[in-house]
Amino acid sequence: FRELERELSYAGGVTGAAEDRLKELLLEVQDLERITNL
């Protein structure tokens, strides 16, 4: 999650709802690179 938050800050930042959705997906697929590719 901390690494994802760093990636999101590089991308310009997303809101809480979008971040929560990405974290849900991260727990589901267990692959950070696939999530950051989105």
PDB file of all heavy atoms in Angstrom:
ATOM      1  N   PHE A   1       0.835  -1.205   0.000  1.00  0.00           N
ATOM      2  CA  PHE A   1       0.000   0.000   0.000  1.00  0.00           C
ATOM      3  C   PHE A   1       0.866   1.250   0.000  1.00  0.00           C
ATOM      4  O   PHE A   1       0.578   2.229  -0.701  1.00  0.00           O
ATOM      5  CB  PHE A   1      -0.924   0.015   1.217  1.00  0.00           C
ATOM      6  CG  PHE A   1      -2.053  -0.975   1.159  1.00  0.00           C
ATOM      7  CD1 PHE A   1      -2.782  -1.276   2.293  1.00  0.00           C
ATOM      8  CD2 PHE A   1      -2.390  -1.608  -0.033  1.00  0.00           C
ATOM      9  CE1 PHE A   1      -3.817  -2.184   2.250  1.00  0.00           C
ATOM     10  CE2 PHE A   1      -3.431  -2.527  -0.087  1.00  0.00           C
ATOM     11  CZ  PHE A   1      -4.151  -2.808   1.058  1.00  0.00           C
ATOM     12  N   ARG A   2       1.939   1.241   0.802  1.00  0.00           N
ATOM     13  CA  ARG A   2       2.821   2.414   0.845  1.00  0.00           C
ATOM     14  C   ARG A   2       3.476   2.652  -0.515  1.00  0.00           C
ATOM     15  O   ARG A   2       3.600   3.796  -0.961  1.00  0.00           O
ATOM     16  CB  ARG A   2       3.876   2.239   1.942  1.00  0.00           C
ATOM     17  CG  ARG A   2       3.363   2.532   3.347  1.00  0.00           C
ATOM     18  CD  ARG A   2       4.481   2.589   4.355  1.00  0.00           C
ATOM     19  NE  ARG A   2       4.947   1.259   4.703  1.00  0.00           N
ATOM     20  CZ  ARG A   2       4.430   0.510   5.683  1.00  0.00           C
ATOM     21  NH1 ARG A   2       3.432   0.982   6.417  1.00  0.00           N
ATOM     22  NH2 ARG A   2       4.912  -0.680   5.951  1.00  0.00           N
ATOM     23  N   GLU A   3       3.866   1.567  -1.172  1.00  0.00           N
ATOM     24  CA  GLU A   3       4.470   1.711  -2.500  1.00  0.00           C
ATOM     25  C   GLU A   3       3.435   2.214  -3.514  1.00  0.00           C
ATOM     26  O   GLU A   3       3.738   3.063  -4.360  1.00  0.00           O
ATOM     27  CB  GLU A   3       5.045   0.362  -2.956  1.00  0.00           C
ATOM     28  CG  GLU A   3       5.762   0.406  -4.297  1.00  0.00           C
ATOM     29  CD  GLU A   3       6.965   1.335  -4.298  1.00  0.00           C
ATOM     30  OE1 GLU A   3       7.594   1.500  -3.221  1.00  0.00           O
ATOM     31  OE2 GLU A   3       7.266   1.899  -5.368  1.00  0.00           O
ATOM     32  N   LEU A   4       2.209   1.725  -3.409  1.00  0.00           N
ATOM     33  CA  LEU A   4       1.141   2.188  -4.293  1.00  0.00           C
ATOM     34  C   LEU A   4       0.874   3.677  -4.075  1.00  0.00           C
ATOM     35  O   LEU A   4       0.682   4.435  -5.038  1.00  0.00           O
ATOM     36  CB  LEU A   4      -0.129   1.382  -4.052  1.00  0.00           C
ATOM     37  CG  LEU A   4      -1.375   1.809  -4.841  1.00  0.00           C
ATOM     38  CD1 LEU A   4      -1.132   1.705  -6.336  1.00  0.00           C
ATOM     39  CD2 LEU A   4      -2.586   0.976  -4.428  1.00  0.00           C
ATOM     40  N   GLU A   5       0.855   4.110  -2.837  1.00  0.00           N
ATOM     41  CA  GLU A   5       0.623   5.530  -2.543  1.00  0.00           C
ATOM     42  C   GLU A   5       1.713   6.396  -3.156  1.00  0.00           C
ATOM     43  O   GLU A   5       1.443   7.505  -3.635  1.00  0.00           O
ATOM     44  CB  GLU A   5       0.541   5.732  -1.030  1.00  0.00           C
ATOM     45  CG  GLU A   5      -0.754   5.189  -0.420  1.00  0.00           C
ATOM     46  CD  GLU A   5      -0.688   5.042   1.083  1.00  0.00           C
ATOM     47  OE1 GLU A   5       0.376   5.379   1.661  1.00  0.00           O
ATOM     48  OE2 GLU A   5      -1.670   4.568   1.671  1.00  0.00           O
ATOM     49  N   ARG A   6       2.958   5.908  -3.152  1.00  0.00           N
ATOM     50  CA  ARG A   6       4.039   6.662  -3.790  1.00  0.00           C
ATOM     51  C   ARG A   6       3.792   6.773  -5.299  1.00  0.00           C
ATOM     52  O   ARG A   6       3.979   7.826  -5.903  1.00  0.00           O
ATOM     53  CB  ARG A   6       5.392   5.997  -3.511  1.00  0.00           C
ATOM     54  CG  ARG A   6       5.970   6.323  -2.140  1.00  0.00           C
ATOM     55  CD  ARG A   6       7.430   5.921  -2.039  1.00  0.00           C
ATOM     56  NE  ARG A   6       7.596   4.468  -2.027  1.00  0.00           N
ATOM     57  CZ  ARG A   6       7.568   3.733  -0.910  1.00  0.00           C
ATOM     58  NH1 ARG A   6       7.376   4.314   0.268  1.00  0.00           N
ATOM     59  NH2 ARG A   6       7.738   2.431  -0.968  1.00  0.00           N
ATOM     60  N   GLU A   7       3.355   5.659  -5.908  1.00  0.00           N
ATOM     61  CA  GLU A   7       3.063   5.678  -7.337  1.00  0.00           C
ATOM     62  C   GLU A   7       1.916   6.641  -7.648  1.00  0.00           C
ATOM     63  O   GLU A   7       1.939   7.358  -8.657  1.00  0.00           O
ATOM     64  CB  GLU A   7       2.699   4.267  -7.824  1.00  0.00           C
ATOM     65  CG  GLU A   7       3.841   3.268  -7.797  1.00  0.00           C
ATOM     66  CD  GLU A   7       4.863   3.530  -8.887  1.00  0.00           C
ATOM     67  OE1 GLU A   7       4.541   4.249  -9.849  1.00  0.00           O
ATOM     68  OE2 GLU A   7       5.994   3.023  -8.772  1.00  0.00           O
ATOM     69  N   LEU A   8       0.923   6.659  -6.783  1.00  0.00           N
ATOM     70  CA  LEU A   8      -0.217   7.548  -7.001  1.00  0.00           C
ATOM     71  C   LEU A   8       0.202   9.009  -6.903  1.00  0.00           C
ATOM     72  O   LEU A   8      -0.306   9.859  -7.633  1.00  0.00           O
ATOM     73  CB  LEU A   8      -1.326   7.248  -5.989  1.00  0.00           C
ATOM     74  CG  LEU A   8      -2.013   5.885  -6.122  1.00  0.00           C
ATOM     75  CD1 LEU A   8      -3.043   5.698  -5.015  1.00  0.00           C
ATOM     76  CD2 LEU A   8      -2.676   5.742  -7.481  1.00  0.00           C
ATOM     77  N   SER A   9       1.117   9.297  -5.997  1.00  0.00           N
ATOM     78  CA  SER A   9       1.582  10.682  -5.876  1.00  0.00           C
ATOM     79  C   SER A   9       2.340  11.100  -7.129  1.00  0.00           C
ATOM     80  O   SER A   9       2.238  12.243  -7.575  1.00  0.00           O
ATOM     81  CB  SER A   9       2.464  10.851  -4.635  1.00  0.00           C
ATOM     82  OG  SER A   9       3.678  10.129  -4.769  1.00  0.00           O
ATOM     83  N   TYR A  10       3.085  10.165  -7.746  1.00  0.00           N
ATOM     84  CA  TYR A  10       3.773  10.479  -8.998  1.00  0.00           C
ATOM     85  C   TYR A  10       2.764  10.731 -10.119  1.00  0.00           C
ATOM     86  O   TYR A  10       2.988  11.544 -11.004  1.00  0.00           O
ATOM     87  CB  TYR A  10       4.699   9.332  -9.419  1.00  0.00           C
ATOM     88  CG  TYR A  10       5.792   9.020  -8.433  1.00  0.00           C
ATOM     89  CD1 TYR A  10       6.287   7.722  -8.298  1.00  0.00           C
ATOM     90  CD2 TYR A  10       6.352  10.009  -7.623  1.00  0.00           C
ATOM     91  CE1 TYR A  10       7.285   7.413  -7.389  1.00  0.00           C
ATOM     92  CE2 TYR A  10       7.352   9.714  -6.715  1.00  0.00           C
ATOM     93  CZ  TYR A  10       7.811   8.419  -6.602  1.00  0.00           C
ATOM     94  OH  TYR A  10       8.800   8.105  -5.706  1.00  0.00           O
ATOM     95  N   ALA A  11       1.631   9.998 -10.080  1.00  0.00           N
ATOM     96  CA  ALA A  11       0.617  10.114 -11.137  1.00  0.00           C
ATOM     97  C   ALA A  11      -0.256  11.353 -10.973  1.00  0.00           C
ATOM     98  O   ALA A  11      -1.130  11.603 -11.789  1.00  0.00           O
ATOM     99  CB  ALA A  11      -0.260   8.863 -11.156  1.00  0.00           C
ATOM    100  N   GLY A  12      -0.064  12.105  -9.925  1.00  0.00           N
ATOM    101  CA  GLY A  12      -0.841  13.325  -9.741  1.00  0.00           C
ATOM    102  C   GLY A  12      -1.859  13.238  -8.636  1.00  0.00           C
ATOM    103  O   GLY A  12      -2.571  14.194  -8.367  1.00  0.00           O
ATOM    104  N   GLY A  13      -1.962  12.092  -8.012  1.00  0.00           N
ATOM    105  CA  GLY A  13      -2.864  11.961  -6.881  1.00  0.00           C
ATOM    106  C   GLY A  13      -4.261  11.561  -7.302  1.00  0.00           C
ATOM    107  O   GLY A  13      -4.781  12.013  -8.315  1.00  0.00           O
ATOM    108  N   VAL A  14      -4.860  10.681  -6.548  1.00  0.00           N
ATOM    109  CA  VAL A  14      -6.255  10.306  -6.767  1.00  0.00           C
ATOM    110  C   VAL A  14      -6.994  10.495  -5.455  1.00  0.00           C
ATOM    111  O   VAL A  14      -6.403  10.621  -4.388  1.00  0.00           O
ATOM    112  CB  VAL A  14      -6.403   8.848  -7.256  1.00  0.00           C
ATOM    113  CG1 VAL A  14      -5.696   8.635  -8.568  1.00  0.00           C
ATOM    114  CG2 VAL A  14      -5.879   7.873  -6.198  1.00  0.00           C
ATOM    115  N   THR A  15      -8.312  10.486  -5.537  1.00  0.00           N
ATOM    116  CA  THR A  15      -9.118  10.679  -4.341  1.00  0.00           C
ATOM    117  C   THR A  15      -9.203   9.400  -3.532  1.00  0.00           C
ATOM    118  O   THR A  15      -8.797   8.320  -3.969  1.00  0.00           O
ATOM    119  CB  THR A  15     -10.528  11.099  -4.740  1.00  0.00           C
ATOM    120  OG1 THR A  15     -11.092  10.091  -5.565  1.00  0.00           O
ATOM    121  CG2 THR A  15     -10.504  12.408  -5.489  1.00  0.00           C
ATOM    122  N   GLY A  16      -9.773   9.525  -2.352  1.00  0.00           N
ATOM    123  CA  GLY A  16      -9.876   8.384  -1.462  1.00  0.00           C
ATOM    124  C   GLY A  16     -10.630   7.223  -2.067  1.00  0.00           C
ATOM    125  O   GLY A  16     -10.240   6.059  -1.910  1.00  0.00           O
ATOM    126  N   ALA A  17     -11.716   7.504  -2.787  1.00  0.00           N
ATOM    127  CA  ALA A  17     -12.517   6.423  -3.367  1.00  0.00           C
ATOM    128  C   ALA A  17     -11.715   5.655  -4.396  1.00  0.00           C
ATOM    129  O   ALA A  17     -11.750   4.414  -4.439  1.00  0.00           O
ATOM    130  CB  ALA A  17     -13.787   6.987  -3.993  1.00  0.00           C
ATOM    131  N   ALA A  18     -10.979   6.363  -5.260  1.00  0.00           N
ATOM    132  CA  ALA A  18     -10.171   5.690  -6.266  1.00  0.00           C
ATOM    133  C   ALA A  18      -9.036   4.908  -5.615  1.00  0.00           C
ATOM    134  O   ALA A  18      -8.723   3.775  -6.012  1.00  0.00           O
ATOM    135  CB  ALA A  18      -9.615   6.712  -7.252  1.00  0.00           C
ATOM    136  N   GLU A  19      -8.408   5.490  -4.607  1.00  0.00           N
ATOM    137  CA  GLU A  19      -7.327   4.799  -3.912  1.00  0.00           C
ATOM    138  C   GLU A  19      -7.843   3.543  -3.219  1.00  0.00           C
ATOM    139  O   GLU A  19      -7.203   2.483  -3.277  1.00  0.00           O
ATOM    140  CB  GLU A  19      -6.685   5.742  -2.903  1.00  0.00           C
ATOM    141  CG  GLU A  19      -5.476   5.151  -2.195  1.00  0.00           C
ATOM    142  CD  GLU A  19      -4.786   6.156  -1.295  1.00  0.00           C
ATOM    143  OE1 GLU A  19      -4.681   7.334  -1.688  1.00  0.00           O
ATOM    144  OE2 GLU A  19      -4.352   5.755  -0.201  1.00  0.00           O
ATOM    145  N   ASP A  20      -9.002   3.639  -2.602  1.00  0.00           N
ATOM    146  CA  ASP A  20      -9.591   2.461  -1.953  1.00  0.00           C
ATOM    147  C   ASP A  20      -9.861   1.365  -2.966  1.00  0.00           C
ATOM    148  O   ASP A  20      -9.651   0.174  -2.695  1.00  0.00           O
ATOM    149  CB  ASP A  20     -10.889   2.837  -1.244  1.00  0.00           C
ATOM    150  CG  ASP A  20     -10.652   3.700  -0.014  1.00  0.00           C
ATOM    151  OD1 ASP A  20      -9.491   3.772   0.440  1.00  0.00           O
ATOM    152  OD2 ASP A  20     -11.616   4.310   0.478  1.00  0.00           O
ATOM    153  N   ARG A  21     -10.352   1.747  -4.146  1.00  0.00           N
ATOM    154  CA  ARG A  21     -10.626   0.759  -5.189  1.00  0.00           C
ATOM    155  C   ARG A  21      -9.345   0.072  -5.622  1.00  0.00           C
ATOM    156  O   ARG A  21      -9.292  -1.151  -5.788  1.00  0.00           O
ATOM    157  CB  ARG A  21     -11.298   1.446  -6.385  1.00  0.00           C
ATOM    158  CG  ARG A  21     -11.457   0.561  -7.612  1.00  0.00           C
ATOM    159  CD  ARG A  21     -12.324  -0.639  -7.335  1.00  0.00           C
ATOM    160  NE  ARG A  21     -12.497  -1.454  -8.532  1.00  0.00           N
ATOM    161  CZ  ARG A  21     -12.997  -2.680  -8.520  1.00  0.00           C
ATOM    162  NH1 ARG A  21     -13.380  -3.232  -7.385  1.00  0.00           N
ATOM    163  NH2 ARG A  21     -13.120  -3.363  -9.639  1.00  0.00           N
ATOM    164  N   LEU A  22      -8.266   0.840  -5.806  1.00  0.00           N
ATOM    165  CA  LEU A  22      -6.994   0.252  -6.217  1.00  0.00           C
ATOM    166  C   LEU A  22      -6.445  -0.674  -5.138  1.00  0.00           C
ATOM    167  O   LEU A  22      -5.861  -1.724  -5.436  1.00  0.00           O
ATOM    168  CB  LEU A  22      -5.998   1.357  -6.543  1.00  0.00           C
ATOM    169  CG  LEU A  22      -6.316   2.168  -7.810  1.00  0.00           C
ATOM    170  CD1 LEU A  22      -5.375   3.359  -7.920  1.00  0.00           C
ATOM    171  CD2 LEU A  22      -6.208   1.294  -9.056  1.00  0.00           C
ATOM    172  N   LYS A  23      -6.635  -0.317  -3.887  1.00  0.00           N
ATOM    173  CA  LYS A  23      -6.166  -1.183  -2.805  1.00  0.00           C
ATOM    174  C   LYS A  23      -6.982  -2.470  -2.742  1.00  0.00           C
ATOM    175  O   LYS A  23      -6.436  -3.551  -2.464  1.00  0.00           O
ATOM    176  CB  LYS A  23      -6.225  -0.435  -1.475  1.00  0.00           C
ATOM    177  CG  LYS A  23      -5.142   0.643  -1.346  1.00  0.00           C
ATOM    178  CD  LYS A  23      -5.208   1.378  -0.018  1.00  0.00           C
ATOM    179  CE  LYS A  23      -4.074   2.389   0.109  1.00  0.00           C
ATOM    180  NZ  LYS A  23      -4.129   3.145   1.391  1.00  0.00           N
ATOM    181  N   GLU A  24      -8.281  -2.362  -2.991  1.00  0.00           N
ATOM    182  CA  GLU A  24      -9.107  -3.573  -3.058  1.00  0.00           C
ATOM    183  C   GLU A  24      -8.596  -4.506  -4.156  1.00  0.00           C
ATOM    184  O   GLU A  24      -8.481  -5.724  -3.961  1.00  0.00           O
ATOM    185  CB  GLU A  24     -10.565  -3.202  -3.351  1.00  0.00           C
ATOM    186  CG  GLU A  24     -11.307  -2.551  -2.195  1.00  0.00           C
ATOM    187  CD  GLU A  24     -12.684  -2.077  -2.622  1.00  0.00           C
ATOM    188  OE1 GLU A  24     -13.124  -2.446  -3.740  1.00  0.00           O
ATOM    189  OE2 GLU A  24     -13.321  -1.323  -1.859  1.00  0.00           O
ATOM    190  N   LEU A  25      -8.300  -3.927  -5.323  1.00  0.00           N
ATOM    191  CA  LEU A  25      -7.783  -4.728  -6.432  1.00  0.00           C
ATOM    192  C   LEU A  25      -6.427  -5.336  -6.090  1.00  0.00           C
ATOM    193  O   LEU A  25      -6.133  -6.477  -6.455  1.00  0.00           O
ATOM    194  CB  LEU A  25      -7.657  -3.865  -7.685  1.00  0.00           C
ATOM    195  CG  LEU A  25      -8.964  -3.474  -8.385  1.00  0.00           C
ATOM    196  CD1 LEU A  25      -8.679  -2.479  -9.499  1.00  0.00           C
ATOM    197  CD2 LEU A  25      -9.658  -4.710  -8.951  1.00  0.00           C
ATOM    198  N   LEU A  26      -5.598  -4.559  -5.395  1.00  0.00           N
ATOM    199  CA  LEU A  26      -4.276  -5.050  -5.026  1.00  0.00           C
ATOM    200  C   LEU A  26      -4.385  -6.282  -4.138  1.00  0.00           C
ATOM    201  O   LEU A  26      -3.670  -7.276  -4.325  1.00  0.00           O
ATOM    202  CB  LEU A  26      -3.492  -3.938  -4.321  1.00  0.00           C
ATOM    203  CG  LEU A  26      -2.057  -4.258  -3.897  1.00  0.00           C
ATOM    204  CD1 LEU A  26      -1.223  -4.700  -5.085  1.00  0.00           C
ATOM    205  CD2 LEU A  26      -1.427  -3.042  -3.231  1.00  0.00           C
ATOM    206  N   LEU A  27      -5.277  -6.234  -3.166  1.00  0.00           N
ATOM    207  CA  LEU A  27      -5.473  -7.399  -2.304  1.00  0.00           C
ATOM    208  C   LEU A  27      -6.044  -8.575  -3.083  1.00  0.00           C
ATOM    209  O   LEU A  27      -5.770  -9.739  -2.777  1.00  0.00           O
ATOM    210  CB  LEU A  27      -6.414  -7.040  -1.143  1.00  0.00           C
ATOM    211  CG  LEU A  27      -5.874  -6.055  -0.109  1.00  0.00           C
ATOM    212  CD1 LEU A  27      -6.944  -5.738   0.927  1.00  0.00           C
ATOM    213  CD2 LEU A  27      -4.623  -6.607   0.573  1.00  0.00           C
ATOM    214  N   GLU A  28      -6.832  -8.253  -4.116  1.00  0.00           N
ATOM    215  CA  GLU A  28      -7.478  -9.314  -4.893  1.00  0.00           C
ATOM    216  C   GLU A  28      -6.493 -10.027  -5.808  1.00  0.00           C
ATOM    217  O   GLU A  28      -6.469 -11.252  -5.879  1.00  0.00           O
ATOM    218  CB  GLU A  28      -8.617  -8.704  -5.708  1.00  0.00           C
ATOM    219  CG  GLU A  28      -9.425  -9.688  -6.518  1.00  0.00           C
ATOM    220  CD  GLU A  28     -10.532  -8.997  -7.284  1.00  0.00           C
ATOM    221  OE1 GLU A  28     -11.178  -8.090  -6.723  1.00  0.00           O
ATOM    222  OE2 GLU A  28     -10.740  -9.353  -8.464  1.00  0.00           O
ATOM    223  N   VAL A  29      -5.658  -9.256  -6.526  1.00  0.00           N
ATOM    224  CA  VAL A  29      -4.763  -9.875  -7.516  1.00  0.00           C
ATOM    225  C   VAL A  29      -3.362 -10.109  -6.972  1.00  0.00           C
ATOM    226  O   VAL A  29      -2.587 -10.856  -7.565  1.00  0.00           O
ATOM    227  CB  VAL A  29      -4.696  -9.029  -8.803  1.00  0.00           C
ATOM    228  CG1 VAL A  29      -6.078  -8.856  -9.402  1.00  0.00           C
ATOM    229  CG2 VAL A  29      -4.052  -7.673  -8.547  1.00  0.00           C
ATOM    230  N   GLN A  30      -3.002  -9.428  -5.871  1.00  0.00           N
ATOM    231  CA  GLN A  30      -1.712  -9.615  -5.195  1.00  0.00           C
ATOM    232  C   GLN A  30      -0.526  -9.361  -6.125  1.00  0.00           C
ATOM    233  O   GLN A  30       0.466 -10.085  -6.097  1.00  0.00           O
ATOM    234  CB  GLN A  30      -1.631 -11.019  -4.590  1.00  0.00           C
ATOM    235  CG  GLN A  30      -2.683 -11.266  -3.511  1.00  0.00           C
ATOM    236  CD  GLN A  30      -2.647 -12.676  -2.983  1.00  0.00           C
ATOM    237  OE1 GLN A  30      -3.447 -13.507  -3.383  1.00  0.00           O
ATOM    238  NE2 GLN A  30      -1.711 -12.949  -2.094  1.00  0.00           N
ATOM    239  N   ASP A  31      -0.657  -8.331  -6.967  1.00  0.00           N
ATOM    240  CA  ASP A  31       0.416  -8.002  -7.904  1.00  0.00           C
ATOM    241  C   ASP A  31       0.453  -6.481  -8.055  1.00  0.00           C
ATOM    242  O   ASP A  31      -0.401  -5.890  -8.719  1.00  0.00           O
ATOM    243  CB  ASP A  31       0.155  -8.670  -9.255  1.00  0.00           C
ATOM    244  CG  ASP A  31       1.345  -8.545 -10.200  1.00  0.00           C
ATOM    245  OD1 ASP A  31       2.045  -7.508 -10.144  1.00  0.00           O
ATOM    246  OD2 ASP A  31       1.569  -9.458 -11.011  1.00  0.00           O
ATOM    247  N   LEU A  32       1.444  -5.859  -7.422  1.00  0.00           N
ATOM    248  CA  LEU A  32       1.529  -4.401  -7.420  1.00  0.00           C
ATOM    249  C   LEU A  32       1.759  -3.850  -8.816  1.00  0.00           C
ATOM    250  O   LEU A  32       1.189  -2.823  -9.190  1.00  0.00           O
ATOM    251  CB  LEU A  32       2.662  -3.957  -6.485  1.00  0.00           C
ATOM    252  CG  LEU A  32       2.892  -2.450  -6.377  1.00  0.00           C
ATOM    253  CD1 LEU A  32       1.661  -1.744  -5.825  1.00  0.00           C
ATOM    254  CD2 LEU A  32       4.110  -2.167  -5.494  1.00  0.00           C
ATOM    255  N   GLU A  33       2.569  -4.513  -9.619  1.00  0.00           N
ATOM    256  CA  GLU A  33       2.876  -4.007 -10.952  1.00  0.00           C
ATOM    257  C   GLU A  33       1.624  -3.963 -11.827  1.00  0.00           C
ATOM    258  O   GLU A  33       1.425  -3.019 -12.599  1.00  0.00           O
ATOM    259  CB  GLU A  33       3.949  -4.873 -11.604  1.00  0.00           C
ATOM    260  CG  GLU A  33       4.505  -4.282 -12.885  1.00  0.00           C
ATOM    261  CD  GLU A  33       5.720  -5.049 -13.391  1.00  0.00           C
ATOM    262  OE1 GLU A  33       6.138  -6.017 -12.727  1.00  0.00           O
ATOM    263  OE2 GLU A  33       6.233  -4.677 -14.455  1.00  0.00           O
ATOM    264  N   ARG A  34       0.763  -4.963 -11.718  1.00  0.00           N
ATOM    265  CA  ARG A  34      -0.472  -4.954 -12.506  1.00  0.00           C
ATOM    266  C   ARG A  34      -1.366  -3.776 -12.106  1.00  0.00           C
ATOM    267  O   ARG A  34      -2.029  -3.176 -12.948  1.00  0.00           O
ATOM    268  CB  ARG A  34      -1.235  -6.270 -12.311  1.00  0.00           C
ATOM    269  CG  ARG A  34      -0.638  -7.455 -13.035  1.00  0.00           C
ATOM    270  CD  ARG A  34      -1.470  -8.716 -12.801  1.00  0.00           C
ATOM    271  NE  ARG A  34      -2.762  -8.646 -13.473  1.00  0.00           N
ATOM    272  CZ  ARG A  34      -3.735  -9.542 -13.272  1.00  0.00           C
ATOM    273  NH1 ARG A  34      -3.568 -10.535 -12.396  1.00  0.00           N
ATOM    274  NH2 ARG A  34      -4.878  -9.443 -13.925  1.00  0.00           N
ATOM    275  N   ILE A  35      -1.359  -3.446 -10.824  1.00  0.00           N
ATOM    276  CA  ILE A  35      -2.192  -2.325 -10.372  1.00  0.00           C
ATOM    277  C   ILE A  35      -1.618  -0.998 -10.844  1.00  0.00           C
ATOM    278  O   ILE A  35      -2.344  -0.127 -11.341  1.00  0.00           O
ATOM    279  CB  ILE A  35      -2.316  -2.340  -8.834  1.00  0.00           C
ATOM    280  CG1 ILE A  35      -2.947  -3.657  -8.361  1.00  0.00           C
ATOM    281  CG2 ILE A  35      -3.134  -1.148  -8.362  1.00  0.00           C
ATOM    282  CD1 ILE A  35      -4.303  -3.948  -8.938  1.00  0.00           C
ATOM    283  N   THR A  36      -0.312  -0.815 -10.699  1.00  0.00           N
ATOM    284  CA  THR A  36       0.284   0.459 -11.118  1.00  0.00           C
ATOM    285  C   THR A  36       0.200   0.635 -12.633  1.00  0.00           C
ATOM    286  O   THR A  36       0.158   1.765 -13.125  1.00  0.00           O
ATOM    287  CB  THR A  36       1.747   0.567 -10.656  1.00  0.00           C
ATOM    288  OG1 THR A  36       2.489  -0.570 -11.128  1.00  0.00           O
ATOM    289  CG2 THR A  36       1.823   0.623  -9.142  1.00  0.00           C
ATOM    290  N   ASN A  37       0.143  -0.473 -13.380  1.00  0.00           N
ATOM    291  CA  ASN A  37      -0.034  -0.366 -14.825  1.00  0.00           C
ATOM    292  C   ASN A  37      -1.373   0.265 -15.184  1.00  0.00           C
ATOM    293  O   ASN A  37      -1.527   0.881 -16.245  1.00  0.00           O
ATOM    294  CB  ASN A  37       0.077  -1.742 -15.488  1.00  0.00           C
ATOM    295  CG  ASN A  37       1.518  -2.204 -15.631  1.00  0.00           C
ATOM    296  OD1 ASN A  37       2.444  -1.405 -15.530  1.00  0.00           O
ATOM    297  ND2 ASN A  37       1.714  -3.491 -15.834  1.00  0.00           N
ATOM    298  N   LEU A  38      -2.378   0.095 -14.317  1.00  0.00           N
ATOM    299  CA  LEU A  38      -3.678   0.714 -14.571  1.00  0.00           C
ATOM    300  C   LEU A  38      -3.560   2.229 -14.641  1.00  0.00           C
ATOM    301  O   LEU A  38      -4.322   2.891 -15.341  1.00  0.00           O
ATOM    302  CB  LEU A  38      -4.667   0.344 -13.462  1.00  0.00           C
ATOM    303  CG  LEU A  38      -5.246  -1.068 -13.469  1.00  0.00           C
ATOM    304  CD1 LEU A  38      -6.158  -1.253 -12.271  1.00  0.00           C
ATOM    305  CD2 LEU A  38      -6.018  -1.324 -14.753  1.00  0.00           C
TER     306      LEU A  38
END
